[in-house]
N, C-alpha and C. Protein backbone atom coordinates (compact mmCIF):
# COMPACT_ATOMS: atom_id res chain seq x y z
N MET A 1 8.30 28.29 -1.26
CA MET A 1 9.43 28.53 -0.42
C MET A 1 10.73 28.18 -1.15
N GLY A 2 10.69 27.16 -1.97
CA GLY A 2 11.87 26.76 -2.71
C GLY A 2 12.38 27.86 -3.62
N GLY A 3 11.48 28.63 -4.20
CA GLY A 3 11.88 29.74 -5.06
C GLY A 3 12.62 30.82 -4.30
N TYR A 4 12.16 31.12 -3.10
CA TYR A 4 12.85 32.11 -2.27
C TYR A 4 14.25 31.63 -1.89
N VAL A 5 14.37 30.38 -1.54
CA VAL A 5 15.68 29.84 -1.17
C VAL A 5 16.61 29.85 -2.38
N ALA A 6 16.08 29.55 -3.56
CA ALA A 6 16.90 29.54 -4.77
C ALA A 6 17.42 30.95 -5.07
N GLN A 7 16.63 31.97 -4.77
CA GLN A 7 17.05 33.34 -5.03
C GLN A 7 18.04 33.87 -3.99
N ASN A 8 17.93 33.40 -2.75
CA ASN A 8 18.79 33.91 -1.69
C ASN A 8 19.14 32.76 -0.74
N HIS A 9 20.25 32.09 -1.00
CA HIS A 9 20.68 30.95 -0.18
C HIS A 9 20.95 31.32 1.26
N ALA A 10 21.37 32.54 1.50
CA ALA A 10 21.78 32.95 2.85
C ALA A 10 20.61 32.95 3.83
N ARG A 11 19.41 33.08 3.35
CA ARG A 11 18.24 33.18 4.24
C ARG A 11 17.41 31.90 4.28
N TRP A 12 18.01 30.77 3.98
CA TRP A 12 17.28 29.51 3.92
C TRP A 12 16.62 29.16 5.25
N LEU A 13 17.31 29.40 6.35
CA LEU A 13 16.75 29.08 7.66
C LEU A 13 15.55 29.98 7.98
N LEU A 14 15.68 31.26 7.69
CA LEU A 14 14.58 32.20 7.91
C LEU A 14 13.36 31.80 7.09
N TYR A 15 13.56 31.49 5.83
CA TYR A 15 12.44 31.10 4.97
C TYR A 15 11.76 29.82 5.46
N GLY A 16 12.56 28.87 5.89
CA GLY A 16 12.00 27.62 6.40
C GLY A 16 11.18 27.84 7.66
N LEU A 17 11.69 28.65 8.58
CA LEU A 17 10.97 28.92 9.82
C LEU A 17 9.70 29.75 9.57
N LEU A 18 9.78 30.71 8.66
CA LEU A 18 8.59 31.51 8.33
C LEU A 18 7.51 30.65 7.66
N ALA A 19 7.93 29.77 6.76
CA ALA A 19 6.96 28.89 6.11
C ALA A 19 6.30 27.95 7.12
N ALA A 20 7.09 27.42 8.06
CA ALA A 20 6.55 26.53 9.09
C ALA A 20 5.59 27.29 10.00
N THR A 21 5.94 28.51 10.35
CA THR A 21 5.06 29.33 11.19
C THR A 21 3.75 29.63 10.47
N GLY A 22 3.84 30.01 9.21
CA GLY A 22 2.63 30.29 8.44
C GLY A 22 1.74 29.07 8.29
N SER A 23 2.34 27.92 8.11
CA SER A 23 1.56 26.69 7.99
C SER A 23 0.84 26.37 9.30
N ALA A 24 1.55 26.53 10.41
CA ALA A 24 0.95 26.24 11.72
C ALA A 24 -0.19 27.21 12.01
N VAL A 25 0.03 28.49 11.78
CA VAL A 25 -1.01 29.50 12.04
C VAL A 25 -2.19 29.29 11.11
N GLY A 26 -1.93 28.97 9.85
CA GLY A 26 -3.01 28.71 8.90
C GLY A 26 -3.85 27.50 9.27
N SER A 27 -3.24 26.54 9.94
CA SER A 27 -3.97 25.34 10.36
C SER A 27 -4.95 25.61 11.50
N LEU A 28 -4.87 26.78 12.10
CA LEU A 28 -5.81 27.12 13.17
C LEU A 28 -7.25 27.18 12.65
N VAL A 29 -7.42 27.50 11.38
CA VAL A 29 -8.77 27.51 10.80
C VAL A 29 -9.36 26.10 10.84
N ILE A 30 -8.57 25.12 10.43
CA ILE A 30 -9.02 23.72 10.45
C ILE A 30 -9.27 23.28 11.88
N TYR A 31 -8.40 23.72 12.80
CA TYR A 31 -8.57 23.37 14.21
C TYR A 31 -9.90 23.93 14.72
N GLY A 32 -10.21 25.16 14.38
CA GLY A 32 -11.47 25.77 14.81
C GLY A 32 -12.68 25.01 14.28
N ILE A 33 -12.62 24.62 13.03
CA ILE A 33 -13.72 23.85 12.43
C ILE A 33 -13.87 22.50 13.13
N GLY A 34 -12.75 21.82 13.33
CA GLY A 34 -12.80 20.51 13.97
C GLY A 34 -13.25 20.58 15.41
N TYR A 35 -12.80 21.58 16.13
CA TYR A 35 -13.14 21.70 17.54
C TYR A 35 -14.61 22.09 17.72
N ALA A 36 -15.13 22.86 16.77
CA ALA A 36 -16.52 23.32 16.88
C ALA A 36 -17.54 22.28 16.44
N GLY A 37 -17.11 21.16 15.99
CA GLY A 37 -18.07 20.14 15.58
C GLY A 37 -17.68 19.47 14.29
N GLY A 38 -16.40 19.29 14.10
CA GLY A 38 -15.93 18.69 12.87
C GLY A 38 -16.00 17.19 12.83
N GLU A 39 -16.54 16.57 13.89
CA GLU A 39 -16.61 15.11 13.88
C GLU A 39 -17.51 14.63 12.75
N GLU A 40 -18.62 15.31 12.53
CA GLU A 40 -19.51 14.91 11.42
C GLU A 40 -18.81 15.09 10.08
N LEU A 41 -18.07 16.20 9.94
CA LEU A 41 -17.33 16.46 8.71
C LEU A 41 -16.28 15.39 8.47
N LEU A 42 -15.57 15.02 9.53
CA LEU A 42 -14.54 13.99 9.42
C LEU A 42 -15.15 12.64 9.08
N ARG A 43 -16.28 12.33 9.68
CA ARG A 43 -16.95 11.05 9.39
C ARG A 43 -17.42 10.98 7.94
N LYS A 44 -17.76 12.14 7.35
CA LYS A 44 -18.17 12.16 5.95
C LYS A 44 -16.98 11.96 5.01
N ARG A 45 -15.81 12.40 5.43
CA ARG A 45 -14.61 12.35 4.58
C ARG A 45 -13.87 11.02 4.61
N VAL A 46 -13.96 10.29 5.73
CA VAL A 46 -13.24 9.03 5.85
C VAL A 46 -14.19 7.91 6.24
N SER A 47 -13.78 6.69 5.97
CA SER A 47 -14.60 5.54 6.32
C SER A 47 -14.65 5.37 7.84
N ALA A 48 -15.60 4.58 8.31
CA ALA A 48 -15.75 4.36 9.75
C ALA A 48 -14.51 3.69 10.34
N ALA A 49 -13.94 2.74 9.61
CA ALA A 49 -12.73 2.06 10.10
C ALA A 49 -11.56 3.02 10.19
N ARG A 50 -11.40 3.86 9.18
CA ARG A 50 -10.31 4.84 9.20
C ARG A 50 -10.53 5.88 10.30
N PHE A 51 -11.78 6.25 10.53
CA PHE A 51 -12.07 7.19 11.61
C PHE A 51 -11.65 6.61 12.96
N GLN A 52 -11.95 5.34 13.17
CA GLN A 52 -11.57 4.69 14.42
C GLN A 52 -10.05 4.62 14.57
N LYS A 53 -9.34 4.34 13.46
CA LYS A 53 -7.88 4.31 13.50
C LYS A 53 -7.30 5.68 13.84
N LEU A 54 -7.84 6.72 13.21
CA LEU A 54 -7.38 8.07 13.51
C LEU A 54 -7.62 8.43 14.96
N HIS A 55 -8.80 8.11 15.43
CA HIS A 55 -9.17 8.44 16.81
C HIS A 55 -8.26 7.68 17.80
N ALA A 56 -8.02 6.41 17.52
CA ALA A 56 -7.15 5.62 18.40
C ALA A 56 -5.72 6.14 18.37
N ALA A 57 -5.25 6.55 17.20
CA ALA A 57 -3.88 7.08 17.08
C ALA A 57 -3.74 8.36 17.90
N PHE A 58 -4.75 9.22 17.86
CA PHE A 58 -4.67 10.47 18.62
C PHE A 58 -4.87 10.24 20.11
N GLU A 59 -5.52 9.16 20.48
CA GLU A 59 -5.63 8.83 21.90
C GLU A 59 -4.30 8.32 22.45
N LYS A 60 -3.58 7.49 21.67
CA LYS A 60 -2.32 6.91 22.13
C LYS A 60 -1.15 7.87 22.02
N HIS A 61 -0.97 8.47 20.84
CA HIS A 61 0.19 9.31 20.56
C HIS A 61 -0.27 10.58 19.84
N PRO A 62 -0.89 11.51 20.55
CA PRO A 62 -1.45 12.67 19.86
C PRO A 62 -0.41 13.54 19.16
N PHE A 63 0.73 13.77 19.79
CA PHE A 63 1.73 14.67 19.22
C PHE A 63 2.33 14.10 17.94
N SER A 64 2.81 12.87 18.00
CA SER A 64 3.45 12.29 16.82
C SER A 64 2.44 11.95 15.72
N SER A 65 1.18 11.74 16.09
CA SER A 65 0.15 11.46 15.08
C SER A 65 -0.13 12.67 14.21
N LEU A 66 0.26 13.84 14.67
CA LEU A 66 0.11 15.05 13.87
C LEU A 66 1.44 15.52 13.30
N MET A 67 2.51 15.36 14.06
CA MET A 67 3.81 15.85 13.61
C MET A 67 4.33 15.07 12.40
N LEU A 68 4.19 13.76 12.42
CA LEU A 68 4.71 12.95 11.30
C LEU A 68 4.01 13.27 9.98
N PRO A 69 2.68 13.36 9.92
CA PRO A 69 2.05 13.75 8.65
C PRO A 69 2.42 15.17 8.22
N ALA A 70 2.73 16.04 9.18
CA ALA A 70 3.13 17.41 8.83
C ALA A 70 4.46 17.43 8.09
N MET A 71 5.29 16.41 8.28
CA MET A 71 6.58 16.32 7.60
C MET A 71 6.45 15.80 6.17
N LEU A 72 5.40 15.09 5.89
CA LEU A 72 5.29 14.40 4.60
C LEU A 72 4.99 15.37 3.47
N PRO A 73 5.38 15.01 2.24
CA PRO A 73 5.18 15.90 1.09
C PRO A 73 3.72 16.00 0.67
N PRO A 74 3.41 16.93 -0.23
CA PRO A 74 2.04 17.29 -0.58
C PRO A 74 1.02 16.21 -0.93
N PRO A 75 1.32 15.07 -1.51
CA PRO A 75 0.19 14.16 -1.74
C PRO A 75 -0.48 13.67 -0.45
N THR A 76 0.17 13.84 0.69
CA THR A 76 -0.39 13.41 1.97
C THR A 76 -1.59 14.28 2.33
N PRO A 77 -2.72 13.67 2.68
CA PRO A 77 -3.91 14.45 3.05
C PRO A 77 -3.77 15.01 4.47
N PHE A 78 -2.94 16.02 4.64
CA PHE A 78 -2.61 16.54 5.97
C PHE A 78 -3.83 17.13 6.68
N LYS A 79 -4.72 17.75 5.94
CA LYS A 79 -5.87 18.41 6.58
C LYS A 79 -6.74 17.41 7.35
N ILE A 80 -6.80 16.17 6.88
CA ILE A 80 -7.56 15.14 7.60
C ILE A 80 -6.95 14.92 8.98
N PHE A 81 -5.62 14.88 9.06
CA PHE A 81 -4.95 14.68 10.34
C PHE A 81 -5.15 15.88 11.27
N ALA A 82 -5.07 17.08 10.70
CA ALA A 82 -5.29 18.28 11.51
C ALA A 82 -6.72 18.32 12.03
N LEU A 83 -7.67 17.95 11.19
CA LEU A 83 -9.07 17.91 11.60
C LEU A 83 -9.28 16.84 12.68
N ALA A 84 -8.65 15.69 12.52
CA ALA A 84 -8.76 14.62 13.51
C ALA A 84 -8.16 15.05 14.85
N ALA A 85 -7.08 15.80 14.82
CA ALA A 85 -6.48 16.29 16.06
C ALA A 85 -7.44 17.22 16.80
N ALA A 86 -8.13 18.06 16.06
CA ALA A 86 -9.10 18.96 16.69
C ALA A 86 -10.31 18.20 17.22
N VAL A 87 -10.77 17.22 16.46
CA VAL A 87 -11.90 16.40 16.91
C VAL A 87 -11.52 15.65 18.18
N ALA A 88 -10.26 15.21 18.27
CA ALA A 88 -9.79 14.50 19.46
C ALA A 88 -9.48 15.46 20.61
N GLU A 89 -9.73 16.74 20.39
CA GLU A 89 -9.55 17.80 21.39
C GLU A 89 -8.11 17.89 21.88
N MET A 90 -7.19 17.82 20.95
CA MET A 90 -5.77 18.03 21.25
C MET A 90 -5.61 19.49 21.69
N SER A 91 -4.77 19.72 22.69
CA SER A 91 -4.60 21.10 23.16
C SER A 91 -4.03 21.96 22.03
N ILE A 92 -4.44 23.20 22.01
CA ILE A 92 -4.05 24.08 20.91
C ILE A 92 -2.53 24.32 20.89
N SER A 93 -1.91 24.35 22.05
CA SER A 93 -0.46 24.56 22.09
C SER A 93 0.27 23.35 21.52
N HIS A 94 -0.18 22.14 21.85
CA HIS A 94 0.44 20.93 21.28
C HIS A 94 0.16 20.84 19.78
N PHE A 95 -1.03 21.24 19.38
CA PHE A 95 -1.41 21.26 17.97
C PHE A 95 -0.46 22.15 17.17
N LEU A 96 -0.28 23.38 17.65
CA LEU A 96 0.60 24.32 16.95
C LEU A 96 2.05 23.85 16.95
N LEU A 97 2.51 23.34 18.08
CA LEU A 97 3.89 22.89 18.18
C LEU A 97 4.16 21.69 17.27
N ALA A 98 3.23 20.74 17.23
CA ALA A 98 3.40 19.56 16.38
C ALA A 98 3.48 19.95 14.91
N ILE A 99 2.59 20.84 14.50
CA ILE A 99 2.61 21.27 13.09
C ILE A 99 3.87 22.07 12.81
N PHE A 100 4.21 22.98 13.71
CA PHE A 100 5.41 23.80 13.51
C PHE A 100 6.66 22.94 13.38
N LEU A 101 6.84 21.99 14.28
CA LEU A 101 8.04 21.14 14.23
C LEU A 101 8.06 20.25 12.98
N GLY A 102 6.91 19.67 12.65
CA GLY A 102 6.84 18.82 11.46
C GLY A 102 7.11 19.60 10.19
N ARG A 103 6.49 20.75 10.07
CA ARG A 103 6.70 21.58 8.88
C ARG A 103 8.12 22.15 8.84
N THR A 104 8.69 22.44 10.00
CA THR A 104 10.07 22.93 10.02
C THR A 104 11.01 21.89 9.43
N VAL A 105 10.85 20.65 9.83
CA VAL A 105 11.69 19.59 9.27
C VAL A 105 11.48 19.52 7.76
N ARG A 106 10.24 19.53 7.33
CA ARG A 106 9.93 19.42 5.91
C ARG A 106 10.52 20.58 5.11
N PHE A 107 10.33 21.79 5.57
CA PHE A 107 10.79 22.95 4.82
C PHE A 107 12.31 23.11 4.86
N LEU A 108 12.93 22.74 5.97
CA LEU A 108 14.39 22.84 6.03
C LEU A 108 15.05 21.78 5.14
N VAL A 109 14.47 20.59 5.08
CA VAL A 109 14.99 19.58 4.15
C VAL A 109 14.82 20.07 2.71
N LEU A 110 13.68 20.67 2.41
CA LEU A 110 13.45 21.22 1.08
C LEU A 110 14.46 22.32 0.76
N ALA A 111 14.74 23.19 1.73
CA ALA A 111 15.71 24.27 1.52
C ALA A 111 17.10 23.72 1.23
N VAL A 112 17.52 22.72 1.98
CA VAL A 112 18.84 22.11 1.75
C VAL A 112 18.89 21.47 0.37
N LEU A 113 17.82 20.81 -0.03
CA LEU A 113 17.78 20.19 -1.37
C LEU A 113 17.87 21.24 -2.47
N VAL A 114 17.18 22.36 -2.29
CA VAL A 114 17.23 23.43 -3.29
C VAL A 114 18.63 24.02 -3.36
N ILE A 115 19.27 24.21 -2.23
CA ILE A 115 20.63 24.75 -2.23
C ILE A 115 21.60 23.79 -2.91
N GLU A 116 21.45 22.51 -2.62
CA GLU A 116 22.38 21.52 -3.18
C GLU A 116 22.13 21.20 -4.66
N PHE A 117 20.85 21.09 -5.06
CA PHE A 117 20.53 20.60 -6.40
C PHE A 117 19.85 21.62 -7.30
N GLY A 118 19.53 22.78 -6.79
CA GLY A 118 18.88 23.81 -7.58
C GLY A 118 17.36 23.76 -7.45
N PRO A 119 16.69 24.80 -7.96
CA PRO A 119 15.23 24.89 -7.79
C PRO A 119 14.44 23.84 -8.55
N GLU A 120 15.02 23.22 -9.58
CA GLU A 120 14.27 22.21 -10.33
C GLU A 120 14.02 20.95 -9.51
N VAL A 121 14.71 20.78 -8.38
CA VAL A 121 14.50 19.62 -7.52
C VAL A 121 13.07 19.60 -6.97
N VAL A 122 12.48 20.76 -6.79
CA VAL A 122 11.11 20.83 -6.26
C VAL A 122 10.15 20.16 -7.23
N HIS A 123 10.26 20.46 -8.51
CA HIS A 123 9.38 19.85 -9.50
C HIS A 123 9.64 18.34 -9.61
N ARG A 124 10.90 17.96 -9.61
CA ARG A 124 11.23 16.53 -9.71
C ARG A 124 10.71 15.74 -8.52
N LEU A 125 10.84 16.31 -7.34
CA LEU A 125 10.32 15.62 -6.15
C LEU A 125 8.80 15.52 -6.19
N ARG A 126 8.14 16.58 -6.64
CA ARG A 126 6.68 16.55 -6.73
C ARG A 126 6.22 15.43 -7.66
N VAL A 127 6.87 15.33 -8.81
CA VAL A 127 6.52 14.27 -9.77
C VAL A 127 6.82 12.90 -9.17
N PHE A 128 7.98 12.76 -8.55
CA PHE A 128 8.36 11.48 -7.95
C PHE A 128 7.37 11.05 -6.88
N PHE A 129 7.04 11.96 -5.95
CA PHE A 129 6.13 11.59 -4.87
C PHE A 129 4.72 11.33 -5.37
N SER A 130 4.27 12.04 -6.38
CA SER A 130 2.91 11.80 -6.87
C SER A 130 2.81 10.49 -7.64
N HIS A 131 3.89 10.07 -8.31
CA HIS A 131 3.85 8.83 -9.08
C HIS A 131 4.19 7.60 -8.26
N HIS A 132 4.97 7.76 -7.21
CA HIS A 132 5.46 6.62 -6.45
C HIS A 132 5.09 6.68 -4.98
N PHE A 133 4.02 7.39 -4.66
CA PHE A 133 3.63 7.58 -3.26
C PHE A 133 3.31 6.25 -2.58
N HIS A 134 2.62 5.35 -3.25
CA HIS A 134 2.27 4.06 -2.65
C HIS A 134 3.52 3.25 -2.31
N TRP A 135 4.56 3.33 -3.13
CA TRP A 135 5.80 2.61 -2.82
C TRP A 135 6.51 3.22 -1.62
N LEU A 136 6.47 4.53 -1.52
CA LEU A 136 7.09 5.19 -0.37
C LEU A 136 6.40 4.81 0.93
N ILE A 137 5.08 4.74 0.89
CA ILE A 137 4.33 4.33 2.07
C ILE A 137 4.66 2.88 2.43
N LEU A 138 4.78 2.03 1.43
CA LEU A 138 5.13 0.63 1.68
C LEU A 138 6.52 0.51 2.31
N VAL A 139 7.48 1.25 1.80
CA VAL A 139 8.84 1.22 2.36
C VAL A 139 8.83 1.72 3.79
N ALA A 140 8.09 2.79 4.05
CA ALA A 140 7.99 3.33 5.41
C ALA A 140 7.34 2.31 6.35
N ALA A 141 6.31 1.62 5.89
CA ALA A 141 5.63 0.63 6.73
C ALA A 141 6.55 -0.56 7.02
N VAL A 142 7.30 -1.00 6.02
CA VAL A 142 8.24 -2.11 6.24
C VAL A 142 9.34 -1.69 7.21
N ALA A 143 9.85 -0.48 7.06
CA ALA A 143 10.89 0.01 7.97
C ALA A 143 10.36 0.11 9.40
N LEU A 144 9.14 0.58 9.55
CA LEU A 144 8.53 0.68 10.87
C LEU A 144 8.32 -0.70 11.48
N ALA A 145 7.85 -1.65 10.69
CA ALA A 145 7.66 -3.02 11.19
C ALA A 145 8.99 -3.66 11.58
N LEU A 146 10.01 -3.44 10.78
CA LEU A 146 11.34 -3.98 11.09
C LEU A 146 11.87 -3.38 12.39
N TRP A 147 11.71 -2.09 12.54
CA TRP A 147 12.14 -1.42 13.78
C TRP A 147 11.41 -2.01 14.98
N TRP A 148 10.10 -2.23 14.86
CA TRP A 148 9.30 -2.76 15.96
C TRP A 148 9.76 -4.16 16.33
N VAL A 149 10.02 -5.02 15.32
CA VAL A 149 10.46 -6.39 15.58
C VAL A 149 11.82 -6.38 16.25
N LEU A 150 12.75 -5.59 15.75
CA LEU A 150 14.08 -5.52 16.36
C LEU A 150 14.01 -4.99 17.79
N ARG A 151 13.15 -4.06 18.03
CA ARG A 151 12.98 -3.53 19.39
C ARG A 151 12.45 -4.60 20.33
N ARG A 152 11.48 -5.37 19.86
CA ARG A 152 10.93 -6.46 20.68
C ARG A 152 11.98 -7.53 20.96
N LEU A 153 12.77 -7.88 19.94
CA LEU A 153 13.81 -8.89 20.12
C LEU A 153 14.88 -8.41 21.10
N ARG A 154 15.26 -7.17 21.00
CA ARG A 154 16.26 -6.63 21.93
C ARG A 154 15.71 -6.60 23.36
N LYS A 155 14.47 -6.20 23.49
CA LYS A 155 13.84 -6.15 24.81
C LYS A 155 13.77 -7.56 25.41
N ARG A 156 13.43 -8.52 24.59
CA ARG A 156 13.33 -9.91 25.05
C ARG A 156 14.70 -10.47 25.42
N ALA A 157 15.73 -10.10 24.67
CA ALA A 157 17.08 -10.58 24.97
C ALA A 157 17.60 -10.00 26.28
N LEU A 158 17.18 -8.81 26.61
CA LEU A 158 17.64 -8.18 27.85
C LEU A 158 16.82 -8.61 29.06
N GLU A 159 15.70 -9.26 28.81
CA GLU A 159 14.82 -9.70 29.90
C GLU A 159 15.48 -10.86 30.66
N PRO A 160 15.50 -10.83 31.97
CA PRO A 160 16.11 -11.92 32.73
C PRO A 160 15.42 -13.26 32.47
N ALA A 161 16.19 -14.33 32.58
CA ALA A 161 15.68 -15.68 32.32
C ALA A 161 14.58 -16.06 33.30
N ILE A 162 14.64 -15.57 34.52
CA ILE A 162 13.62 -15.90 35.52
C ILE A 162 12.26 -15.37 35.09
N LEU A 163 12.22 -14.15 34.56
CA LEU A 163 10.95 -13.58 34.12
C LEU A 163 10.38 -14.37 32.95
N ARG A 164 11.24 -14.85 32.06
CA ARG A 164 10.76 -15.66 30.94
C ARG A 164 10.13 -16.95 31.44
N LYS A 165 10.72 -17.57 32.47
CA LYS A 165 10.16 -18.81 33.03
C LYS A 165 8.82 -18.56 33.69
N ILE A 166 8.69 -17.44 34.35
CA ILE A 166 7.43 -17.11 35.01
C ILE A 166 6.33 -16.91 33.97
N ARG A 167 6.63 -16.25 32.86
CA ARG A 167 5.63 -16.00 31.82
C ARG A 167 5.20 -17.29 31.14
N ASN A 168 6.13 -18.20 30.94
CA ASN A 168 5.81 -19.46 30.25
C ASN A 168 5.21 -20.39 31.24
């Protein structure tokens, strides 16, 4: 997709939306496999602990559990998440929408980067993400933990003093 955007900047939005649509429609094959009995396949691909984490994530937050990995760059094993969504029997409309929205964000960010920095940014990003993927995951996890702690502290600060006394 980056090559198309580099050749014709005016159609960046169209290319991003078409790429996202193609990705979502192409994922229907994985959905069909997972829905028809992909639990055994998924259990073979991931450890039992990871399977339980995936299953719990799709039980609590099915939409975001698929949309967020759809946004991530290629070293992310996205097919595992798509297969897990099908095994968890996520509705097909939510499945398609989550992938479409996640991929739209990913492809539109890529299009903007290509317009701003040229087509060589695609290769540089691929090398960067493949060499430093573990650090990116660590930074994302720390940011998520920090957000969660700040949210809890703000919620606790807004809680009336009477409720705090009752809990203690």
